[in-house]
Amino acid sequence: MSVDEKTVRRIAHLARIAVTDAEVPHLQGELNAILSFVEQLNEVDVEGVEPMTSVTPMIMKKREDGVTDGGYAEKIVQNAPATEDNFFLVPKVIE
């Protein structure tokens, strides 16, 4: 796959990058080099290879995902000027 000048300008427009006419050939070469490298990666046989989270083998730390109320509502509202049943009381601002 090859990128032409029109595609370079389109990518620059979508990325909201100002590109001058002098920069287009350089960017075209850069994008073509990137795509060439990606094509090389597609040739690698990855059949049976497990996805990795790191370059070194490790086990992801996991915890039980549970919803709690925190258990300390009193501490949260203790410095509030006005509270009721562990909720903040605020003055009404809209009539």
N, C-alpha and C. Protein backbone atom coordinates (compact mmCIF):
# COMPACT_ATOMS: atom_id res chain seq x y z
N MET A 1 0.85 -1.18 0.00
CA MET A 1 0.00 0.00 0.00
C MET A 1 0.89 1.24 0.00
N SER A 2 0.48 2.22 -0.76
CA SER A 2 1.26 3.45 -0.87
C SER A 2 0.35 4.65 -0.64
N VAL A 3 0.92 5.67 -0.01
CA VAL A 3 0.18 6.89 0.29
C VAL A 3 0.56 7.96 -0.73
N ASP A 4 -0.42 8.62 -1.33
CA ASP A 4 -0.14 9.68 -2.28
C ASP A 4 -0.30 11.04 -1.58
N GLU A 5 -0.02 12.12 -2.32
CA GLU A 5 -0.08 13.47 -1.74
C GLU A 5 -1.48 13.82 -1.26
N LYS A 6 -2.48 13.40 -2.01
CA LYS A 6 -3.86 13.69 -1.64
C LYS A 6 -4.19 13.04 -0.29
N THR A 7 -3.74 11.81 -0.08
CA THR A 7 -3.98 11.11 1.17
C THR A 7 -3.25 11.78 2.32
N VAL A 8 -2.03 12.24 2.08
CA VAL A 8 -1.27 12.95 3.12
C VAL A 8 -2.03 14.20 3.57
N ARG A 9 -2.53 14.95 2.60
CA ARG A 9 -3.28 16.16 2.94
C ARG A 9 -4.58 15.82 3.69
N ARG A 10 -5.22 14.74 3.29
CA ARG A 10 -6.46 14.31 3.97
C ARG A 10 -6.17 13.90 5.42
N ILE A 11 -5.10 13.15 5.63
CA ILE A 11 -4.73 12.75 6.99
C ILE A 11 -4.39 13.97 7.83
N ALA A 12 -3.66 14.91 7.26
CA ALA A 12 -3.31 16.13 7.98
C ALA A 12 -4.56 16.92 8.35
N HIS A 13 -5.51 16.98 7.43
CA HIS A 13 -6.76 17.68 7.70
C HIS A 13 -7.52 17.01 8.84
N LEU A 14 -7.64 15.68 8.79
CA LEU A 14 -8.36 14.95 9.84
C LEU A 14 -7.67 15.08 11.19
N ALA A 15 -6.33 15.18 11.18
CA ALA A 15 -5.58 15.32 12.43
C ALA A 15 -5.46 16.78 12.87
N ARG A 16 -6.04 17.68 12.08
CA ARG A 16 -5.99 19.12 12.37
C ARG A 16 -4.54 19.61 12.48
N ILE A 17 -3.71 19.16 11.51
CA ILE A 17 -2.31 19.56 11.45
C ILE A 17 -2.11 20.41 10.20
N ALA A 18 -1.50 21.57 10.38
CA ALA A 18 -1.20 22.44 9.23
C ALA A 18 0.04 21.89 8.54
N VAL A 19 -0.09 21.58 7.25
CA VAL A 19 1.01 21.03 6.47
C VAL A 19 1.24 21.92 5.26
N THR A 20 2.48 22.36 5.09
CA THR A 20 2.80 23.18 3.93
C THR A 20 3.09 22.26 2.73
N ASP A 21 3.11 22.86 1.54
CA ASP A 21 3.39 22.10 0.33
C ASP A 21 4.78 21.46 0.38
N ALA A 22 5.73 22.13 1.03
CA ALA A 22 7.10 21.62 1.11
C ALA A 22 7.18 20.41 2.04
N GLU A 23 6.27 20.29 3.01
CA GLU A 23 6.31 19.19 3.97
C GLU A 23 5.64 17.91 3.46
N VAL A 24 4.79 18.05 2.46
CA VAL A 24 4.01 16.91 1.98
C VAL A 24 4.90 15.75 1.50
N PRO A 25 5.92 15.98 0.66
CA PRO A 25 6.75 14.84 0.21
C PRO A 25 7.44 14.11 1.36
N HIS A 26 7.93 14.87 2.35
CA HIS A 26 8.59 14.25 3.51
C HIS A 26 7.59 13.40 4.30
N LEU A 27 6.41 13.93 4.56
CA LEU A 27 5.39 13.18 5.29
C LEU A 27 4.92 11.96 4.50
N GLN A 28 4.87 12.09 3.19
CA GLN A 28 4.48 10.96 2.34
C GLN A 28 5.48 9.82 2.51
N GLY A 29 6.76 10.16 2.52
CA GLY A 29 7.80 9.14 2.72
C GLY A 29 7.70 8.50 4.09
N GLU A 30 7.45 9.33 5.12
CA GLU A 30 7.32 8.81 6.49
C GLU A 30 6.14 7.85 6.60
N LEU A 31 5.00 8.24 6.07
CA LEU A 31 3.81 7.39 6.15
C LEU A 31 4.00 6.09 5.36
N ASN A 32 4.63 6.17 4.21
CA ASN A 32 4.89 4.96 3.43
C ASN A 32 5.85 4.02 4.17
N ALA A 33 6.83 4.58 4.89
CA ALA A 33 7.75 3.75 5.67
C ALA A 33 7.01 3.05 6.81
N ILE A 34 6.11 3.75 7.45
CA ILE A 34 5.31 3.17 8.54
C ILE A 34 4.45 2.03 8.00
N LEU A 35 3.78 2.27 6.90
CA LEU A 35 2.92 1.24 6.32
C LEU A 35 3.73 0.03 5.85
N SER A 36 4.92 0.27 5.36
CA SER A 36 5.79 -0.83 4.94
C SER A 36 6.16 -1.69 6.14
N PHE A 37 6.45 -1.05 7.27
CA PHE A 37 6.78 -1.79 8.48
C PHE A 37 5.59 -2.61 8.96
N VAL A 38 4.40 -2.03 8.90
CA VAL A 38 3.19 -2.75 9.32
C VAL A 38 2.96 -3.96 8.42
N GLU A 39 3.22 -3.82 7.13
CA GLU A 39 3.08 -4.95 6.21
C GLU A 39 4.07 -6.07 6.57
N GLN A 40 5.28 -5.70 7.02
CA GLN A 40 6.24 -6.71 7.46
C GLN A 40 5.72 -7.43 8.70
N LEU A 41 5.08 -6.71 9.61
CA LEU A 41 4.54 -7.33 10.82
C LEU A 41 3.43 -8.32 10.48
N ASN A 42 2.67 -8.04 9.44
CA ASN A 42 1.59 -8.94 9.04
C ASN A 42 2.12 -10.29 8.55
N GLU A 43 3.39 -10.36 8.16
CA GLU A 43 3.97 -11.60 7.67
C GLU A 43 4.37 -12.54 8.81
N VAL A 44 4.41 -12.05 10.04
CA VAL A 44 4.83 -12.87 11.18
C VAL A 44 3.71 -13.83 11.56
N ASP A 45 4.06 -15.09 11.76
CA ASP A 45 3.08 -16.11 12.15
C ASP A 45 2.88 -16.03 13.67
N VAL A 46 1.70 -15.63 14.10
CA VAL A 46 1.39 -15.51 15.52
C VAL A 46 0.35 -16.53 15.95
N GLU A 47 0.18 -17.56 15.16
CA GLU A 47 -0.79 -18.61 15.48
C GLU A 47 -0.39 -19.30 16.79
N GLY A 48 -1.29 -19.32 17.75
CA GLY A 48 -1.04 -19.99 19.03
C GLY A 48 -0.27 -19.15 20.03
N VAL A 49 0.04 -17.91 19.71
CA VAL A 49 0.77 -17.04 20.63
C VAL A 49 -0.24 -16.30 21.50
N GLU A 50 -0.08 -16.43 22.82
CA GLU A 50 -0.99 -15.76 23.75
C GLU A 50 -0.69 -14.27 23.81
N PRO A 51 -1.71 -13.43 23.92
CA PRO A 51 -1.47 -11.99 24.10
C PRO A 51 -0.72 -11.72 25.40
N MET A 52 0.10 -10.69 25.40
CA MET A 52 0.92 -10.38 26.57
C MET A 52 0.52 -9.03 27.16
N THR A 53 0.67 -8.91 28.46
CA THR A 53 0.45 -7.63 29.12
C THR A 53 1.77 -6.91 29.34
N SER A 54 2.88 -7.62 29.20
CA SER A 54 4.19 -7.05 29.43
C SER A 54 5.22 -7.88 28.67
N VAL A 55 6.41 -7.35 28.52
CA VAL A 55 7.45 -8.12 27.84
C VAL A 55 8.04 -9.18 28.76
N THR A 56 7.82 -9.05 30.06
CA THR A 56 8.23 -10.08 31.01
C THR A 56 6.99 -10.82 31.48
N PRO A 57 7.09 -12.13 31.66
CA PRO A 57 5.91 -12.88 32.11
C PRO A 57 5.47 -12.43 33.50
N MET A 58 4.19 -12.16 33.63
CA MET A 58 3.66 -11.77 34.93
C MET A 58 2.17 -12.05 34.96
N ILE A 59 1.64 -12.10 36.15
CA ILE A 59 0.22 -12.32 36.33
C ILE A 59 -0.40 -11.00 36.76
N MET A 60 -1.49 -10.64 36.10
CA MET A 60 -2.16 -9.39 36.44
C MET A 60 -2.76 -9.48 37.83
N LYS A 61 -2.59 -8.41 38.61
CA LYS A 61 -3.20 -8.35 39.93
C LYS A 61 -4.68 -8.06 39.74
N LYS A 62 -5.49 -8.87 40.37
CA LYS A 62 -6.93 -8.70 40.24
C LYS A 62 -7.54 -8.62 41.62
N ARG A 63 -8.64 -7.91 41.71
CA ARG A 63 -9.37 -7.83 42.96
C ARG A 63 -10.84 -8.01 42.66
N GLU A 64 -11.57 -8.37 43.67
CA GLU A 64 -13.00 -8.52 43.55
C GLU A 64 -13.61 -7.14 43.31
N ASP A 65 -14.44 -7.01 42.32
CA ASP A 65 -15.08 -5.74 42.02
C ASP A 65 -16.43 -5.71 42.71
N GLY A 66 -16.51 -4.95 43.80
CA GLY A 66 -17.75 -4.88 44.54
C GLY A 66 -18.09 -3.45 44.89
N VAL A 67 -19.35 -3.13 44.88
CA VAL A 67 -19.81 -1.78 45.20
C VAL A 67 -20.12 -1.71 46.69
N THR A 68 -19.55 -0.71 47.35
CA THR A 68 -19.82 -0.50 48.77
C THR A 68 -20.14 0.97 48.98
N ASP A 69 -20.67 1.27 50.15
CA ASP A 69 -20.95 2.67 50.47
C ASP A 69 -19.75 3.35 51.10
N GLY A 70 -18.67 2.63 51.28
CA GLY A 70 -17.47 3.19 51.88
C GLY A 70 -17.44 2.97 53.38
N GLY A 71 -18.60 2.98 54.01
CA GLY A 71 -18.68 2.69 55.43
C GLY A 71 -18.30 3.83 56.35
N TYR A 72 -18.06 5.03 55.81
CA TYR A 72 -17.68 6.12 56.69
C TYR A 72 -18.32 7.44 56.25
N ALA A 73 -19.63 7.39 56.04
CA ALA A 73 -20.35 8.59 55.63
C ALA A 73 -20.27 9.69 56.69
N GLU A 74 -20.26 9.30 57.96
CA GLU A 74 -20.18 10.30 59.03
C GLU A 74 -18.91 11.13 58.92
N LYS A 75 -17.80 10.49 58.61
CA LYS A 75 -16.53 11.21 58.49
C LYS A 75 -16.55 12.17 57.29
N ILE A 76 -17.23 11.77 56.23
CA ILE A 76 -17.25 12.59 55.02
C ILE A 76 -18.00 13.90 55.27
N VAL A 77 -19.11 13.85 55.98
CA VAL A 77 -19.94 15.05 56.17
C VAL A 77 -19.65 15.78 57.47
N GLN A 78 -18.68 15.34 58.27
CA GLN A 78 -18.47 15.94 59.59
C GLN A 78 -18.05 17.41 59.55
N ASN A 79 -17.41 17.88 58.48
CA ASN A 79 -17.00 19.29 58.39
C ASN A 79 -17.97 20.14 57.59
N ALA A 80 -19.05 19.55 57.13
CA ALA A 80 -20.03 20.32 56.36
C ALA A 80 -20.80 21.25 57.28
N PRO A 81 -21.16 22.44 56.79
CA PRO A 81 -21.91 23.38 57.64
C PRO A 81 -23.30 22.87 58.01
N ALA A 82 -23.92 22.08 57.11
CA ALA A 82 -25.26 21.56 57.41
C ALA A 82 -25.40 20.18 56.77
N THR A 83 -25.89 19.22 57.58
CA THR A 83 -26.12 17.87 57.08
C THR A 83 -27.42 17.32 57.64
N GLU A 84 -27.92 16.29 56.97
CA GLU A 84 -29.10 15.58 57.44
C GLU A 84 -29.02 14.15 56.95
N ASP A 85 -29.06 13.20 57.86
CA ASP A 85 -28.97 11.77 57.53
C ASP A 85 -27.77 11.47 56.64
N ASN A 86 -26.62 12.03 56.99
CA ASN A 86 -25.36 11.84 56.25
C ASN A 86 -25.40 12.35 54.81
N PHE A 87 -26.23 13.34 54.55
CA PHE A 87 -26.25 14.03 53.26
C PHE A 87 -25.91 15.50 53.49
N PHE A 88 -25.27 16.13 52.50
CA PHE A 88 -24.98 17.55 52.57
C PHE A 88 -26.27 18.33 52.35
N LEU A 89 -26.49 19.36 53.13
CA LEU A 89 -27.61 20.28 52.90
C LEU A 89 -27.07 21.53 52.27
N VAL A 90 -27.67 21.94 51.16
CA VAL A 90 -27.22 23.14 50.45
C VAL A 90 -28.40 24.08 50.28
N PRO A 91 -28.12 25.38 50.25
CA PRO A 91 -29.23 26.33 50.08
C PRO A 91 -29.82 26.23 48.67
N LYS A 92 -31.09 26.47 48.59
CA LYS A 92 -31.79 26.46 47.30
C LYS A 92 -31.38 27.71 46.52
N VAL A 93 -30.97 27.52 45.27
CA VAL A 93 -30.51 28.65 44.47
C VAL A 93 -31.41 28.91 43.27
N ILE A 94 -32.31 27.99 42.97
CA ILE A 94 -33.22 28.16 41.83
C ILE A 94 -34.64 28.24 42.37
N GLU A 95 -35.36 29.24 41.93
CA GLU A 95 -36.74 29.42 42.37
C GLU A 95 -37.69 28.63 41.52
